[in-house]
Amino acid sequence: MADNYLIEDIDDFSDNDFAQEEEHYGELYEHFRFVSDKGQSLTRVDKFLNMRIINVSRNRIQQAADAGMILVNDVPVKSNYRVKPNDVVVVMMARPPREEEIIPEDIPLDIVYEDEDLMVINKQAGLVVHPGFGNWQGTLVNAIAFKLKDTPDYNPKDPRFGLVHRIDKNTSGLLVVAKNENTKTHLASQFFHKTSKREYIAVVWGSPKEDQGRIEGNIGRSPKDRLQMVVFPEGDHGKPAITNYEVVERLGYVSVVRCRLETGRTHQIRVHMKYIGHTLFNDERYGGNEILKGMRFTKYKQFVENCFTICPRQALHARTLGFVHPRTGENMLFESPIADDMALLIEKWRNYTSNRNIE
């Protein structure tokens, strides 16, 4: 089926059970694959594709090539590449607009930056990013649809506009929204090619042995629980994922860590930190809502329960977001203060450990 879009809708909604809580950054999906025949004459790749894809202009194809989304024999090429016999030409594209209606809703947004091309939003914990199973309204996308309803050519179902990436429902922090096709194309390319900057602050159970580390391990759907993701250390399943972490503060039975993503897989930080034995604090899906470190005394249990109440979600905040502005070429860097519930949680653990000798 022909598809008009040459930019990636990096949100993956193929499974409604994950529609509320996936975290994807720049994953591209193959939409067209052509193998040139043995008698193929040397032909520019933009012309080659223009003759084969219905209803797509050559200019749109050239934009996709500029964004690194056209591959020949697994290598990104520019629009002037000349296709040779037996070349495998692949186009990484967005899916067609979805059928469900996106209803604009006047939901308050914390917009930390906005210009004619994009918005950077500081999302509060508990706000679902995209409509999905059980959450067809009241989402960030509904709020964005209301905010951009008067923007020329904007269509909330059109993947050429809107969110460039996403974070989980119960993760707080920064997201970037594209207001036009060119911005979406170039930002998606930066996420895909790992040139954007994304750092998170998390509170995890336990105290990592090393002050910093690098976690590598394919992430994929758990064969035992389809609502969880797991690490496949041998690399036979899942998708490659890399998380760099640094311990910011050790607070006895928990630690504050900074995580820098090189990839953006579903629940990546949550899964990787659990994999190395440091599950995120109060991460219900991955067992962090149990007391994983510490004592069995009643007072300690009550203290932890109070902490769960203070921060009633996984303690994860998307603090830093950086990218190159598609129009101006300026390096944009944004930082969001740690969300109030996490800040209170950290302070509570500081107070608890200040008069105790906890190793």
Protein backbone atom coordinates (compact mmCIF):
# COMPACT_ATOMS: atom_id res chain seq x y z
CA MET A 1 0.00 0.00 0.00
CA ALA A 2 1.40 3.38 -0.97
CA ASP A 3 2.12 5.87 1.80
CA ASN A 4 2.48 9.60 1.29
CA TYR A 5 4.69 10.28 4.28
CA LEU A 6 8.45 10.31 4.29
CA ILE A 7 9.01 11.05 7.95
CA GLU A 8 8.78 8.65 10.81
CA ASP A 9 5.95 8.54 13.26
CA ILE A 10 8.20 7.18 15.98
CA ASP A 11 5.33 6.30 18.33
CA ASP A 12 4.65 2.57 18.05
CA PHE A 13 0.98 1.78 18.65
CA SER A 14 0.85 -1.70 17.18
CA ASP A 15 -0.20 -3.10 20.53
CA ASN A 16 -2.94 -1.30 22.45
CA ASP A 17 -1.84 -2.79 25.74
CA PHE A 18 1.32 -0.69 25.44
CA ALA A 19 -0.35 2.36 23.91
CA GLN A 20 -0.31 4.23 27.23
CA GLU A 21 3.23 3.57 28.31
CA GLU A 22 5.70 3.14 25.49
CA GLU A 23 8.84 5.17 25.21
CA HIS A 24 10.19 5.37 21.68
CA TYR A 25 12.81 7.64 20.22
CA GLY A 26 13.45 7.81 16.54
CA GLU A 27 12.73 4.21 15.59
CA LEU A 28 12.11 4.02 11.82
CA TYR A 29 9.91 1.49 10.08
CA GLU A 30 10.51 0.08 6.63
CA HIS A 31 7.64 0.99 4.34
CA PHE A 32 9.08 0.36 0.90
CA ARG A 33 11.69 -2.04 -0.40
CA PHE A 34 12.67 -2.24 -4.04
CA VAL A 35 15.33 -4.43 -5.66
CA SER A 36 16.52 -3.06 -8.97
CA ASP A 37 16.67 -5.61 -11.77
CA LYS A 38 19.76 -6.87 -13.53
CA GLY A 39 19.27 -4.51 -16.44
CA GLN A 40 18.79 -1.37 -14.33
CA SER A 41 20.42 1.69 -15.91
CA LEU A 42 22.10 4.22 -13.64
CA THR A 43 19.22 6.32 -12.28
CA ARG A 44 19.03 8.89 -9.49
CA VAL A 45 17.44 7.31 -6.45
CA ASP A 46 14.86 10.11 -6.12
CA LYS A 47 13.71 9.52 -9.68
CA PHE A 48 13.83 5.73 -9.15
CA LEU A 49 11.49 6.00 -6.16
CA ASN A 50 9.28 8.66 -7.68
CA MET A 51 8.42 6.23 -10.48
CA ARG A 52 7.53 3.48 -8.01
CA ILE A 53 5.74 5.15 -5.10
CA ILE A 54 2.26 6.46 -5.77
CA ASN A 55 1.32 10.04 -4.88
CA VAL A 56 4.70 11.09 -3.52
CA SER A 57 6.48 14.10 -4.98
CA ARG A 58 10.16 14.01 -5.86
CA ASN A 59 10.71 16.89 -3.44
CA ARG A 60 9.34 14.80 -0.57
CA ILE A 61 11.65 11.97 -1.53
CA GLN A 62 14.60 14.37 -1.55
CA GLN A 63 13.66 15.56 1.94
CA ALA A 64 13.64 11.99 3.17
CA ALA A 65 17.07 11.41 1.64
CA ASP A 66 18.42 14.57 3.31
CA ALA A 67 17.15 13.22 6.64
CA GLY A 68 18.97 9.90 6.15
CA MET A 69 15.77 7.92 5.67
CA ILE A 70 16.57 6.36 2.28
CA LEU A 71 18.98 3.43 2.40
CA VAL A 72 20.64 1.55 -0.43
CA ASN A 73 22.14 -1.78 0.59
CA ASP A 74 21.68 -0.70 4.26
CA VAL A 75 23.61 2.58 3.80
CA PRO A 76 21.90 6.01 3.88
CA VAL A 77 22.22 7.83 0.56
CA LYS A 78 21.51 11.29 -0.78
CA SER A 79 18.96 11.97 -3.51
CA ASN A 80 21.62 12.12 -6.24
CA TYR A 81 22.79 8.54 -5.59
CA ARG A 82 22.55 6.52 -8.80
CA VAL A 83 20.81 3.18 -8.46
CA LYS A 84 22.73 0.27 -9.99
CA PRO A 85 21.63 -3.26 -10.94
CA ASN A 86 20.60 -5.42 -7.96
CA ASP A 87 20.61 -2.51 -5.49
CA VAL A 88 18.24 -2.90 -2.54
CA VAL A 89 16.51 0.45 -1.99
CA VAL A 90 14.64 0.90 1.30
CA VAL A 91 12.55 3.87 2.44
CA MET A 92 11.95 4.41 6.15
CA MET A 93 8.60 6.14 6.44
CA ALA A 94 5.75 7.05 8.72
CA ARG A 95 2.52 5.13 8.87
CA PRO A 96 -0.67 6.54 7.35
CA PRO A 97 -2.84 8.74 9.58
CA ARG A 98 -4.79 6.73 12.10
CA GLU A 99 -8.52 6.31 11.84
CA GLU A 100 -9.46 7.30 15.38
CA GLU A 101 -10.56 10.88 15.93
CA ILE A 102 -8.25 13.12 17.95
CA ILE A 103 -10.48 15.54 19.89
CA PRO A 104 -8.80 18.84 20.83
CA GLU A 105 -9.06 19.38 24.59
CA ASP A 106 -8.12 22.46 26.58
CA ILE A 107 -5.68 20.74 28.93
CA PRO A 108 -3.06 23.00 30.59
CA LEU A 109 0.45 22.51 29.22
CA ASP A 110 3.76 23.59 30.73
CA ILE A 111 5.41 24.97 27.59
CA VAL A 112 9.03 25.85 28.29
CA TYR A 113 9.84 27.01 24.73
CA GLU A 114 7.86 27.74 21.58
CA ASP A 115 8.50 29.23 18.14
CA GLU A 116 6.95 28.87 14.69
CA ASP A 117 8.48 25.43 14.19
CA LEU A 118 8.33 23.58 17.49
CA MET A 119 7.33 23.45 21.14
CA VAL A 120 9.16 21.95 24.11
CA ILE A 121 6.76 20.73 26.79
CA ASN A 122 7.45 19.73 30.38
CA LYS A 123 4.99 16.84 30.86
CA GLN A 124 3.60 16.12 34.29
CA ALA A 125 3.56 12.56 35.63
CA GLY A 126 0.26 10.78 35.14
CA LEU A 127 -0.52 12.36 31.77
CA VAL A 128 -0.91 9.75 29.04
CA VAL A 129 0.96 10.81 25.92
CA HIS A 130 -1.22 9.37 23.16
CA PRO A 131 -4.82 8.11 22.96
CA GLY A 132 -5.01 4.36 23.25
CA PHE A 133 -6.81 1.50 24.92
CA GLY A 134 -8.69 2.91 27.90
CA ASN A 135 -7.44 6.46 27.31
CA TRP A 136 -9.03 7.94 24.21
CA GLN A 137 -9.27 11.43 25.69
CA GLY A 138 -7.41 13.57 28.20
CA THR A 139 -3.98 12.84 26.71
CA LEU A 140 -1.04 15.03 25.77
CA VAL A 141 -1.93 14.60 22.09
CA ASN A 142 -5.44 15.92 22.76
CA ALA A 143 -3.89 18.93 24.52
CA ILE A 144 -1.47 19.53 21.63
CA ALA A 145 -4.36 19.30 19.15
CA PHE A 146 -6.11 22.11 21.03
CA LYS A 147 -2.95 24.21 21.23
CA LEU A 148 -2.22 23.88 17.50
CA LYS A 149 -5.81 23.88 16.22
CA ASP A 150 -5.31 27.23 14.49
CA THR A 151 -1.95 26.29 12.95
CA PRO A 152 -2.21 26.16 9.12
CA ASP A 153 -2.38 22.64 7.68
CA TYR A 154 -2.20 21.04 11.13
CA ASN A 155 -3.99 17.71 11.43
CA PRO A 156 -3.53 15.81 14.72
CA LYS A 157 -3.83 12.47 12.87
CA ASP A 158 -1.14 13.38 10.37
CA PRO A 159 2.24 11.91 11.45
CA ARG A 160 4.07 14.73 9.68
CA PHE A 161 3.26 16.91 12.71
CA GLY A 162 3.22 16.55 16.47
CA LEU A 163 5.27 14.53 18.92
CA VAL A 164 8.76 13.55 17.81
CA HIS A 165 9.25 11.15 20.71
CA ARG A 166 7.39 10.10 23.83
CA ILE A 167 7.84 9.17 27.47
CA ASP A 168 5.81 6.89 29.69
CA LYS A 169 2.58 8.00 31.32
CA ASN A 170 4.13 8.09 34.79
CA THR A 171 7.44 9.63 33.73
CA SER A 172 7.70 13.40 33.96
CA GLY A 173 9.83 15.74 31.90
CA LEU A 174 10.68 17.18 28.52
CA LEU A 175 9.22 16.39 25.10
CA VAL A 176 9.55 18.19 21.76
CA VAL A 177 6.62 18.76 19.38
CA ALA A 178 6.98 19.58 15.67
CA LYS A 179 4.61 22.12 14.15
CA ASN A 180 5.43 21.35 10.52
CA GLU A 181 6.67 18.58 8.28
CA ASN A 182 10.23 19.82 7.83
CA THR A 183 10.72 20.11 11.59
CA LYS A 184 9.35 16.61 12.21
CA THR A 185 11.57 15.14 9.50
CA HIS A 186 14.77 16.69 10.79
CA LEU A 187 14.10 16.14 14.49
CA ALA A 188 13.13 12.51 13.89
CA SER A 189 16.39 12.10 11.97
CA GLN A 190 18.39 13.48 14.92
CA PHE A 191 16.73 11.04 17.31
CA PHE A 192 17.25 8.16 14.88
CA HIS A 193 20.92 8.98 14.29
CA LYS A 194 21.55 9.51 18.04
CA THR A 195 22.66 13.14 17.71
CA SER A 196 20.03 14.45 20.14
CA LYS A 197 20.76 14.69 23.87
CA ARG A 198 18.49 13.04 26.42
CA GLU A 199 19.26 12.72 30.11
CA TYR A 200 17.04 11.46 32.91
CA ILE A 201 17.16 11.57 36.69
CA ALA A 202 15.98 8.44 38.51
CA VAL A 203 15.78 7.16 42.05
CA VAL A 204 16.67 3.47 42.18
CA TRP A 205 16.76 0.81 44.85
CA GLY A 206 20.21 0.02 46.22
CA SER A 207 23.65 1.51 45.72
CA PRO A 208 25.50 0.66 42.47
CA LYS A 209 29.03 -0.62 43.04
CA GLU A 210 30.52 1.71 40.43
CA ASP A 211 30.04 5.46 40.28
CA GLN A 212 29.23 5.19 36.60
CA GLY A 213 28.59 2.50 34.04
CA ARG A 214 27.30 1.52 30.64
CA ILE A 215 24.47 -0.95 30.21
CA GLU A 216 24.20 -2.79 26.89
CA GLY A 217 21.54 -5.39 26.22
CA ASN A 218 18.82 -5.99 23.68
CA ILE A 219 15.35 -5.08 24.94
CA GLY A 220 12.22 -6.88 23.82
CA ARG A 221 8.81 -8.05 24.97
CA SER A 222 8.91 -10.57 27.82
CA PRO A 223 7.82 -14.06 26.72
CA LYS A 224 6.33 -14.57 30.21
CA ASP A 225 4.52 -11.25 30.69
CA ARG A 226 3.58 -9.29 27.59
CA LEU A 227 3.16 -6.11 29.65
CA GLN A 228 6.83 -6.14 30.57
CA MET A 229 10.00 -5.66 28.58
CA VAL A 230 13.16 -7.62 29.39
CA VAL A 231 16.84 -7.70 28.47
CA PHE A 232 18.04 -10.45 26.14
CA PRO A 233 21.79 -10.44 26.93
CA GLU A 234 22.73 -12.76 24.09
CA GLY A 235 21.23 -10.42 21.52
CA ASP A 236 19.15 -13.07 19.80
CA HIS A 237 15.89 -11.20 20.45
CA GLY A 238 14.75 -7.63 20.97
CA LYS A 239 16.43 -4.45 19.77
CA PRO A 240 19.87 -3.11 20.73
CA ALA A 241 19.77 -0.69 23.65
CA ILE A 242 22.45 1.32 25.45
CA THR A 243 22.07 3.30 28.67
CA ASN A 244 24.88 5.20 30.38
CA TYR A 245 24.41 5.95 34.06
CA GLU A 246 26.18 7.96 36.75
CA VAL A 247 25.49 7.94 40.48
CA VAL A 248 24.58 11.45 41.59
CA GLU A 249 23.86 10.75 45.25
CA ARG A 250 23.89 7.67 47.48
CA LEU A 251 21.14 7.71 50.08
CA GLY A 252 21.52 4.46 51.95
CA TYR A 253 19.03 2.00 50.53
CA VAL A 254 18.35 4.09 47.43
CA SER A 255 20.45 6.13 45.00
CA VAL A 256 19.87 9.06 42.70
CA VAL A 257 21.28 8.34 39.24
CA ARG A 258 21.63 10.26 36.00
CA CYS A 259 20.90 8.22 32.87
CA ARG A 260 21.92 9.18 29.34
CA LEU A 261 20.27 7.35 26.48
CA GLU A 262 22.05 6.30 23.31
CA THR A 263 18.94 4.48 22.11
CA GLY A 264 15.29 4.81 23.00
CA ARG A 265 13.53 1.50 23.55
CA THR A 266 10.31 0.80 25.36
CA HIS A 267 10.85 1.29 29.13
CA GLN A 268 14.61 1.34 28.46
CA ILE A 269 15.85 2.92 31.70
CA ARG A 270 13.35 0.98 33.78
CA VAL A 271 14.38 -2.33 32.21
CA HIS A 272 18.13 -1.70 32.12
CA MET A 273 18.33 -0.55 35.74
CA LYS A 274 16.37 -3.58 36.89
CA TYR A 275 18.70 -5.77 34.80
CA ILE A 276 21.73 -4.58 36.82
CA GLY A 277 19.87 -5.03 40.12
CA HIS A 278 18.68 -1.46 40.73
CA THR A 279 14.97 -1.29 39.95
CA LEU A 280 13.43 2.17 39.87
CA PHE A 281 11.83 3.22 43.13
CA ASN A 282 8.05 2.61 43.13
CA ASP A 283 8.04 1.19 39.60
CA GLU A 284 5.00 -1.02 39.98
CA ARG A 285 5.33 -2.80 36.65
CA TYR A 286 8.86 -3.97 37.42
CA GLY A 287 8.56 -4.66 41.14
CA GLY A 288 9.94 -1.39 42.47
CA ASN A 289 6.82 -0.82 44.57
CA GLU A 290 8.08 -3.47 47.01
CA ILE A 291 10.76 -2.93 49.65
CA LEU A 292 13.81 -4.24 47.82
CA LYS A 293 16.54 -2.94 50.16
CA GLY A 294 16.68 -2.19 53.85
CA MET A 295 15.37 -3.56 57.12
CA ARG A 296 12.30 -5.47 58.23
CA PHE A 297 11.48 -3.17 61.13
CA THR A 298 7.97 -1.78 61.23
CA LYS A 299 9.17 1.83 61.38
CA TYR A 300 11.29 1.38 58.28
CA LYS A 301 8.41 -0.25 56.42
CA GLN A 302 6.18 2.67 57.37
CA PHE A 303 8.84 5.12 56.21
CA VAL A 304 9.03 3.45 52.80
CA GLU A 305 5.24 3.36 52.50
CA ASN A 306 5.22 7.09 53.19
CA CYS A 307 7.80 7.51 50.43
CA PHE A 308 5.56 5.57 48.03
CA THR A 309 2.73 7.94 48.92
CA ILE A 310 4.88 11.02 48.33
CA CYS A 311 5.98 9.78 44.89
CA PRO A 312 3.16 7.48 43.69
CA ARG A 313 4.85 6.45 40.43
CA GLN A 314 8.21 5.31 39.11
CA ALA A 315 10.80 7.89 40.15
CA LEU A 316 11.93 8.94 36.68
CA HIS A 317 12.20 12.42 35.19
CA ALA A 318 13.32 13.46 31.69
CA ARG A 319 15.45 16.39 32.78
CA THR A 320 17.58 17.32 29.76
CA LEU A 321 16.70 17.56 26.08
CA GLY A 322 19.03 18.84 23.37
CA PHE A 323 18.86 19.02 19.58
CA VAL A 324 19.80 21.21 16.63
CA HIS A 325 17.02 23.55 15.54
CA PRO A 326 15.92 22.42 12.05
CA ARG A 327 15.52 25.96 10.71
CA THR A 328 18.23 28.00 12.42
CA GLY A 329 20.90 25.36 13.03
CA GLU A 330 21.18 26.56 16.62
CA ASN A 331 22.07 24.07 19.34
CA MET A 332 19.04 24.00 21.63
CA LEU A 333 19.42 22.68 25.18
CA PHE A 334 16.64 22.54 27.76
CA GLU A 335 16.63 21.45 31.39
CA SER A 336 13.59 20.83 33.55
CA PRO A 337 13.75 20.96 37.36
CA ILE A 338 13.11 17.60 38.99
CA ALA A 339 9.37 17.14 39.47
CA ASP A 340 8.08 18.12 42.93
CA ASP A 341 7.14 14.60 44.01
CA MET A 342 10.62 13.28 43.18
CA ALA A 343 12.28 16.25 44.86
CA LEU A 344 10.28 15.57 48.04
CA LEU A 345 11.15 11.87 47.83
CA ILE A 346 14.87 12.59 47.58
CA GLU A 347 14.73 15.06 50.45
CA LYS A 348 12.90 12.53 52.62
CA TRP A 349 15.61 9.93 52.03
CA ARG A 350 18.29 12.54 52.78
CA ASN A 351 16.67 13.27 56.10
CA TYR A 352 16.33 9.57 56.88
CA THR A 353 19.98 8.77 56.18
CA SER A 354 21.51 11.90 57.68
CA ASN A 355 21.53 10.49 61.23
CA ARG A 356 22.01 6.84 60.31
CA ASN A 357 25.07 4.84 59.33
CA ILE A 358 23.73 2.99 56.30
CA GLU A 359 26.12 1.19 53.98
